[in-house]
Amino acid sequence: MTINEKVSNALKSAAVYLENAILALDKKDENSFADSLWHVAAELEYALFLFSITFPNESNPLSWKRKPELKKIETGSMLAEVKNLLDEAERFVVKERLLDAYKSACVARHYVLKVQEDLAKKKREMLKKK
């Protein structure tokens, strides 16, 4: 299996887990949401690892963040953006525009990590109230 196929499979898997996360969010099932979100992040990390060995000399991938200020964006909006970015990355892989796919996947991961951070913060606040 080629790296492109592995990246494509990881992006597709991330998209499936993202759909599960969105469904869990709609049902207000926080445990399932957190679990699915974790899998999205794991698949994105794997894809980014594969990209990093494909482009070992690529400078600062952190500079690719589209919206550095994410404090005021709702979870649903961020997940919708992640879905768009995953679809975009997959299209770039099909077109063999791997650097563009790398950038989209990196930004998607940034959003997923922000959602995870917000979820962890919410859980900590709930524990403090008890």
N, C-alpha and C. Protein backbone atom coordinates (compact mmCIF):
# COMPACT_ATOMS: atom_id res chain seq x y z
N MET A 1 0.84 -1.17 0.00
CA MET A 1 0.00 0.00 0.00
C MET A 1 0.90 1.25 0.00
N THR A 2 0.58 2.19 -0.86
CA THR A 2 1.38 3.42 -0.96
C THR A 2 1.05 4.38 0.18
N ILE A 3 1.90 5.36 0.37
CA ILE A 3 1.65 6.37 1.39
C ILE A 3 0.36 7.14 1.06
N ASN A 4 0.14 7.42 -0.20
CA ASN A 4 -1.09 8.12 -0.59
C ASN A 4 -2.32 7.33 -0.18
N GLU A 5 -2.29 6.02 -0.37
CA GLU A 5 -3.42 5.17 0.02
C GLU A 5 -3.59 5.15 1.54
N LYS A 6 -2.48 5.10 2.25
CA LYS A 6 -2.55 5.11 3.71
C LYS A 6 -3.11 6.43 4.22
N VAL A 7 -2.66 7.52 3.63
CA VAL A 7 -3.17 8.84 4.01
C VAL A 7 -4.67 8.92 3.71
N SER A 8 -5.04 8.48 2.54
CA SER A 8 -6.45 8.51 2.15
C SER A 8 -7.30 7.68 3.11
N ASN A 9 -6.83 6.50 3.48
CA ASN A 9 -7.57 5.66 4.42
C ASN A 9 -7.70 6.33 5.79
N ALA A 10 -6.63 6.97 6.24
CA ALA A 10 -6.67 7.66 7.53
C ALA A 10 -7.66 8.83 7.49
N LEU A 11 -7.67 9.57 6.40
CA LEU A 11 -8.60 10.70 6.27
C LEU A 11 -10.04 10.21 6.20
N LYS A 12 -10.28 9.12 5.48
CA LYS A 12 -11.63 8.55 5.40
C LYS A 12 -12.08 8.05 6.77
N SER A 13 -11.18 7.40 7.48
CA SER A 13 -11.51 6.91 8.82
C SER A 13 -11.80 8.07 9.76
N ALA A 14 -11.01 9.12 9.68
CA ALA A 14 -11.26 10.31 10.50
C ALA A 14 -12.64 10.90 10.20
N ALA A 15 -13.01 10.90 8.92
CA ALA A 15 -14.32 11.44 8.53
C ALA A 15 -15.46 10.60 9.12
N VAL A 16 -15.29 9.29 9.14
CA VAL A 16 -16.32 8.41 9.72
C VAL A 16 -16.45 8.67 11.22
N TYR A 17 -15.32 8.75 11.90
CA TYR A 17 -15.35 9.04 13.34
C TYR A 17 -15.93 10.43 13.60
N LEU A 18 -15.66 11.36 12.72
CA LEU A 18 -16.21 12.71 12.87
C LEU A 18 -17.73 12.67 12.78
N GLU A 19 -18.25 11.91 11.83
CA GLU A 19 -19.71 11.76 11.72
C GLU A 19 -20.29 11.18 13.00
N ASN A 20 -19.61 10.17 13.56
CA ASN A 20 -20.05 9.59 14.83
C ASN A 20 -20.02 10.63 15.95
N ALA A 21 -18.99 11.46 15.96
CA ALA A 21 -18.88 12.50 16.98
C ALA A 21 -20.02 13.51 16.85
N ILE A 22 -20.33 13.88 15.63
CA ILE A 22 -21.41 14.85 15.41
C ILE A 22 -22.75 14.26 15.86
N LEU A 23 -22.98 12.99 15.55
CA LEU A 23 -24.21 12.33 15.99
C LEU A 23 -24.28 12.27 17.51
N ALA A 24 -23.16 11.94 18.14
CA ALA A 24 -23.12 11.88 19.61
C ALA A 24 -23.34 13.25 20.22
N LEU A 25 -22.81 14.28 19.60
CA LEU A 25 -23.01 15.65 20.08
C LEU A 25 -24.49 16.02 20.00
N ASP A 26 -25.13 15.66 18.88
CA ASP A 26 -26.56 15.93 18.72
C ASP A 26 -27.40 15.21 19.78
N LYS A 27 -26.96 14.00 20.16
CA LYS A 27 -27.68 13.21 21.17
C LYS A 27 -27.27 13.60 22.59
N LYS A 28 -26.31 14.50 22.70
CA LYS A 28 -25.77 14.93 23.99
C LYS A 28 -25.14 13.78 24.77
N ASP A 29 -24.52 12.85 24.05
CA ASP A 29 -23.82 11.71 24.64
C ASP A 29 -22.34 12.08 24.73
N GLU A 30 -21.95 12.68 25.86
CA GLU A 30 -20.60 13.22 26.00
C GLU A 30 -19.51 12.15 25.94
N ASN A 31 -19.78 10.98 26.50
CA ASN A 31 -18.76 9.93 26.47
C ASN A 31 -18.49 9.44 25.06
N SER A 32 -19.55 9.19 24.31
CA SER A 32 -19.39 8.76 22.93
C SER A 32 -18.77 9.86 22.08
N PHE A 33 -19.16 11.10 22.36
CA PHE A 33 -18.60 12.24 21.65
C PHE A 33 -17.09 12.32 21.88
N ALA A 34 -16.68 12.23 23.14
CA ALA A 34 -15.26 12.32 23.48
C ALA A 34 -14.48 11.17 22.85
N ASP A 35 -15.06 9.98 22.88
CA ASP A 35 -14.39 8.81 22.30
C ASP A 35 -14.22 8.96 20.79
N SER A 36 -15.28 9.35 20.12
CA SER A 36 -15.21 9.53 18.66
C SER A 36 -14.24 10.65 18.29
N LEU A 37 -14.26 11.72 19.06
CA LEU A 37 -13.35 12.83 18.81
C LEU A 37 -11.89 12.41 18.98
N TRP A 38 -11.65 11.57 19.98
CA TRP A 38 -10.30 11.04 20.20
C TRP A 38 -9.85 10.25 18.96
N HIS A 39 -10.74 9.45 18.39
CA HIS A 39 -10.39 8.67 17.21
C HIS A 39 -10.14 9.57 16.00
N VAL A 40 -10.90 10.64 15.87
CA VAL A 40 -10.65 11.61 14.79
C VAL A 40 -9.23 12.16 14.92
N ALA A 41 -8.90 12.57 16.13
CA ALA A 41 -7.56 13.13 16.38
C ALA A 41 -6.48 12.10 16.09
N ALA A 42 -6.70 10.86 16.49
CA ALA A 42 -5.70 9.80 16.27
C ALA A 42 -5.49 9.55 14.78
N GLU A 43 -6.55 9.50 14.01
CA GLU A 43 -6.43 9.28 12.57
C GLU A 43 -5.74 10.46 11.90
N LEU A 44 -6.05 11.66 12.35
CA LEU A 44 -5.38 12.84 11.80
C LEU A 44 -3.89 12.85 12.15
N GLU A 45 -3.56 12.45 13.37
CA GLU A 45 -2.15 12.38 13.75
C GLU A 45 -1.40 11.38 12.87
N TYR A 46 -2.03 10.26 12.58
CA TYR A 46 -1.40 9.26 11.72
C TYR A 46 -1.19 9.83 10.31
N ALA A 47 -2.22 10.48 9.78
CA ALA A 47 -2.10 11.09 8.44
C ALA A 47 -0.99 12.14 8.44
N LEU A 48 -0.93 12.95 9.48
CA LEU A 48 0.10 13.99 9.55
C LEU A 48 1.49 13.38 9.68
N PHE A 49 1.60 12.27 10.40
CA PHE A 49 2.87 11.57 10.47
C PHE A 49 3.31 11.13 9.07
N LEU A 50 2.37 10.54 8.33
CA LEU A 50 2.70 10.09 6.97
C LEU A 50 3.10 11.28 6.09
N PHE A 51 2.39 12.37 6.22
CA PHE A 51 2.77 13.57 5.47
C PHE A 51 4.15 14.05 5.87
N SER A 52 4.44 14.01 7.17
CA SER A 52 5.73 14.53 7.63
C SER A 52 6.90 13.72 7.09
N ILE A 53 6.70 12.43 6.84
CA ILE A 53 7.80 11.67 6.25
C ILE A 53 7.83 11.84 4.74
N THR A 54 6.73 12.29 4.18
CA THR A 54 6.69 12.60 2.74
C THR A 54 7.35 13.94 2.47
N PHE A 55 7.15 14.89 3.39
CA PHE A 55 7.71 16.24 3.27
C PHE A 55 8.58 16.54 4.49
N PRO A 56 9.72 15.89 4.62
CA PRO A 56 10.54 16.06 5.83
C PRO A 56 11.10 17.47 5.99
N ASN A 57 11.23 18.22 4.91
CA ASN A 57 11.84 19.54 4.99
C ASN A 57 10.82 20.67 5.01
N GLU A 58 9.53 20.33 5.10
CA GLU A 58 8.51 21.37 5.13
C GLU A 58 8.68 22.19 6.39
N SER A 59 8.72 23.50 6.21
CA SER A 59 9.00 24.36 7.36
C SER A 59 7.90 24.29 8.40
N ASN A 60 7.36 25.31 8.83
CA ASN A 60 6.50 25.36 10.01
C ASN A 60 5.03 25.06 9.69
N PRO A 61 4.58 23.80 9.89
CA PRO A 61 3.18 23.51 9.61
C PRO A 61 2.22 24.25 10.54
N LEU A 62 2.68 24.72 11.68
CA LEU A 62 1.80 25.45 12.58
C LEU A 62 1.38 26.80 11.99
N SER A 63 2.12 27.29 11.02
CA SER A 63 1.77 28.56 10.40
C SER A 63 0.57 28.42 9.46
N TRP A 64 0.11 27.19 9.25
CA TRP A 64 -1.01 26.96 8.33
C TRP A 64 -2.38 27.16 8.97
N LYS A 65 -2.43 27.42 10.25
CA LYS A 65 -3.71 27.59 10.92
C LYS A 65 -4.47 28.74 10.25
N ARG A 66 -5.70 28.45 9.84
CA ARG A 66 -6.48 29.45 9.14
C ARG A 66 -7.03 30.51 10.08
N LYS A 67 -7.51 30.10 11.24
CA LYS A 67 -8.10 31.03 12.19
C LYS A 67 -7.41 30.83 13.53
N PRO A 68 -6.36 31.58 13.79
CA PRO A 68 -5.63 31.35 15.04
C PRO A 68 -6.45 31.63 16.29
N GLU A 69 -7.47 32.48 16.20
CA GLU A 69 -8.29 32.81 17.36
C GLU A 69 -9.57 31.97 17.32
N LEU A 70 -9.61 30.92 18.13
CA LEU A 70 -10.74 30.00 18.11
C LEU A 70 -11.58 30.06 19.38
N LYS A 71 -11.34 31.00 20.23
CA LYS A 71 -12.00 31.02 21.53
C LYS A 71 -13.51 31.19 21.45
N LYS A 72 -14.02 31.86 20.44
CA LYS A 72 -15.44 32.19 20.41
C LYS A 72 -16.24 31.37 19.40
N ILE A 73 -15.66 30.31 18.87
CA ILE A 73 -16.36 29.48 17.89
C ILE A 73 -17.04 28.32 18.60
N GLU A 74 -18.28 28.04 18.24
CA GLU A 74 -19.03 26.95 18.84
C GLU A 74 -18.49 25.60 18.35
N THR A 75 -18.70 24.58 19.17
CA THR A 75 -18.22 23.24 18.85
C THR A 75 -18.79 22.75 17.53
N GLY A 76 -20.07 22.93 17.32
CA GLY A 76 -20.70 22.48 16.08
C GLY A 76 -20.09 23.13 14.85
N SER A 77 -19.79 24.40 14.96
CA SER A 77 -19.16 25.12 13.84
C SER A 77 -17.76 24.61 13.56
N MET A 78 -17.02 24.34 14.64
CA MET A 78 -15.66 23.81 14.45
C MET A 78 -15.70 22.43 13.82
N LEU A 79 -16.65 21.60 14.24
CA LEU A 79 -16.74 20.25 13.67
C LEU A 79 -17.15 20.32 12.19
N ALA A 80 -18.01 21.26 11.85
CA ALA A 80 -18.39 21.45 10.45
C ALA A 80 -17.17 21.86 9.62
N GLU A 81 -16.34 22.73 10.20
CA GLU A 81 -15.12 23.14 9.50
C GLU A 81 -14.16 21.97 9.35
N VAL A 82 -14.06 21.13 10.39
CA VAL A 82 -13.21 19.94 10.30
C VAL A 82 -13.69 19.04 9.17
N LYS A 83 -15.00 18.86 9.06
CA LYS A 83 -15.56 18.03 7.99
C LYS A 83 -15.17 18.60 6.62
N ASN A 84 -15.31 19.90 6.46
CA ASN A 84 -14.92 20.54 5.20
C ASN A 84 -13.43 20.33 4.91
N LEU A 85 -12.61 20.49 5.94
CA LEU A 85 -11.17 20.33 5.76
C LEU A 85 -10.79 18.89 5.42
N LEU A 86 -11.46 17.92 6.04
CA LEU A 86 -11.19 16.52 5.71
C LEU A 86 -11.59 16.21 4.27
N ASP A 87 -12.75 16.71 3.86
CA ASP A 87 -13.18 16.51 2.47
C ASP A 87 -12.19 17.16 1.50
N GLU A 88 -11.75 18.36 1.85
CA GLU A 88 -10.77 19.07 1.03
C GLU A 88 -9.46 18.29 0.94
N ALA A 89 -8.99 17.79 2.08
CA ALA A 89 -7.74 17.03 2.11
C ALA A 89 -7.85 15.78 1.25
N GLU A 90 -8.98 15.11 1.33
CA GLU A 90 -9.17 13.89 0.53
C GLU A 90 -9.16 14.22 -0.96
N ARG A 91 -9.81 15.33 -1.34
CA ARG A 91 -9.79 15.74 -2.76
C ARG A 91 -8.37 16.05 -3.21
N PHE A 92 -7.60 16.69 -2.35
CA PHE A 92 -6.21 16.99 -2.70
C PHE A 92 -5.38 15.72 -2.85
N VAL A 93 -5.62 14.73 -2.02
CA VAL A 93 -4.90 13.46 -2.13
C VAL A 93 -5.22 12.80 -3.46
N VAL A 94 -6.50 12.79 -3.83
CA VAL A 94 -6.91 12.20 -5.11
C VAL A 94 -6.23 12.90 -6.27
N LYS A 95 -6.10 14.22 -6.17
CA LYS A 95 -5.45 15.01 -7.23
C LYS A 95 -3.93 15.02 -7.11
N GLU A 96 -3.42 14.28 -6.10
CA GLU A 96 -1.99 14.18 -5.83
C GLU A 96 -1.36 15.53 -5.50
N ARG A 97 -2.12 16.37 -4.86
CA ARG A 97 -1.63 17.65 -4.33
C ARG A 97 -1.40 17.45 -2.83
N LEU A 98 -0.38 16.67 -2.51
CA LEU A 98 -0.17 16.22 -1.15
C LEU A 98 0.17 17.33 -0.17
N LEU A 99 0.91 18.32 -0.61
CA LEU A 99 1.24 19.42 0.30
C LEU A 99 -0.03 20.17 0.71
N ASP A 100 -0.93 20.39 -0.23
CA ASP A 100 -2.20 21.04 0.10
C ASP A 100 -3.04 20.15 1.03
N ALA A 101 -3.01 18.85 0.79
CA ALA A 101 -3.73 17.92 1.67
C ALA A 101 -3.13 17.97 3.08
N TYR A 102 -1.82 18.03 3.15
CA TYR A 102 -1.11 18.13 4.43
C TYR A 102 -1.58 19.37 5.19
N LYS A 103 -1.64 20.49 4.49
CA LYS A 103 -2.06 21.74 5.12
C LYS A 103 -3.50 21.63 5.65
N SER A 104 -4.40 21.08 4.85
CA SER A 104 -5.79 20.94 5.28
C SER A 104 -5.92 20.02 6.48
N ALA A 105 -5.19 18.92 6.47
CA ALA A 105 -5.23 17.97 7.59
C ALA A 105 -4.65 18.61 8.85
N CYS A 106 -3.63 19.41 8.70
CA CYS A 106 -3.01 20.08 9.84
C CYS A 106 -3.99 21.07 10.49
N VAL A 107 -4.68 21.83 9.67
CA VAL A 107 -5.66 22.78 10.19
C VAL A 107 -6.82 22.03 10.86
N ALA A 108 -7.26 20.93 10.24
CA ALA A 108 -8.33 20.12 10.82
C ALA A 108 -7.92 19.61 12.20
N ARG A 109 -6.71 19.14 12.31
CA ARG A 109 -6.22 18.65 13.60
C ARG A 109 -6.23 19.78 14.63
N HIS A 110 -5.84 20.96 14.21
CA HIS A 110 -5.84 22.12 15.11
C HIS A 110 -7.25 22.34 15.69
N TYR A 111 -8.26 22.29 14.84
CA TYR A 111 -9.64 22.46 15.30
C TYR A 111 -10.06 21.34 16.24
N VAL A 112 -9.71 20.11 15.90
CA VAL A 112 -10.08 18.97 16.74
C VAL A 112 -9.43 19.10 18.12
N LEU A 113 -8.18 19.50 18.15
CA LEU A 113 -7.50 19.68 19.43
C LEU A 113 -8.17 20.78 20.26
N LYS A 114 -8.63 21.82 19.60
CA LYS A 114 -9.33 22.90 20.31
C LYS A 114 -10.64 22.37 20.90
N VAL A 115 -11.37 21.57 20.15
CA VAL A 115 -12.62 21.00 20.68
C VAL A 115 -12.32 20.09 21.87
N GLN A 116 -11.27 19.28 21.75
CA GLN A 116 -10.89 18.41 22.87
C GLN A 116 -10.50 19.23 24.09
N GLU A 117 -9.78 20.30 23.88
CA GLU A 117 -9.37 21.19 24.98
C GLU A 117 -10.59 21.79 25.67
N ASP A 118 -11.55 22.25 24.87
CA ASP A 118 -12.78 22.83 25.43
C ASP A 118 -13.57 21.78 26.21
N LEU A 119 -13.62 20.56 25.70
CA LEU A 119 -14.33 19.47 26.37
C LEU A 119 -13.68 19.15 27.71
N ALA A 120 -12.36 19.09 27.73
CA ALA A 120 -11.64 18.82 28.98
C ALA A 120 -11.86 19.94 29.99
N LYS A 121 -11.87 21.17 29.51
CA LYS A 121 -12.10 22.32 30.39
C LYS A 121 -13.51 22.25 30.99
N LYS A 122 -14.47 21.89 30.18
CA LYS A 122 -15.86 21.77 30.64
C LYS A 122 -15.97 20.68 31.71
N LYS A 123 -15.29 19.56 31.51
CA LYS A 123 -15.32 18.48 32.49
C LYS A 123 -14.68 18.91 33.80
N ARG A 124 -13.57 19.63 33.71
CA ARG A 124 -12.91 20.11 34.93
C ARG A 124 -13.82 21.06 35.71
N GLU A 125 -14.52 21.93 35.00
CA GLU A 125 -15.43 22.87 35.65
C GLU A 125 -16.59 22.14 36.32
N MET A 126 -17.07 21.07 35.67
CA MET A 126 -18.16 20.28 36.26
C MET A 126 -17.70 19.60 37.54
N LEU A 127 -16.45 19.12 37.53
CA LEU A 127 -15.92 18.45 38.72
C LEU A 127 -15.73 19.43 39.87
N LYS A 128 -15.36 20.66 39.56
CA LYS A 128 -15.19 21.68 40.60
C LYS A 128 -16.51 22.01 41.29
N LYS A 129 -17.59 21.95 40.54
CA LYS A 129 -18.91 22.28 41.09
C LYS A 129 -19.41 21.22 42.07
N LYS A 130 -18.90 20.02 41.96
CA LYS A 130 -19.36 18.92 42.84
C LYS A 130 -18.83 19.00 44.21
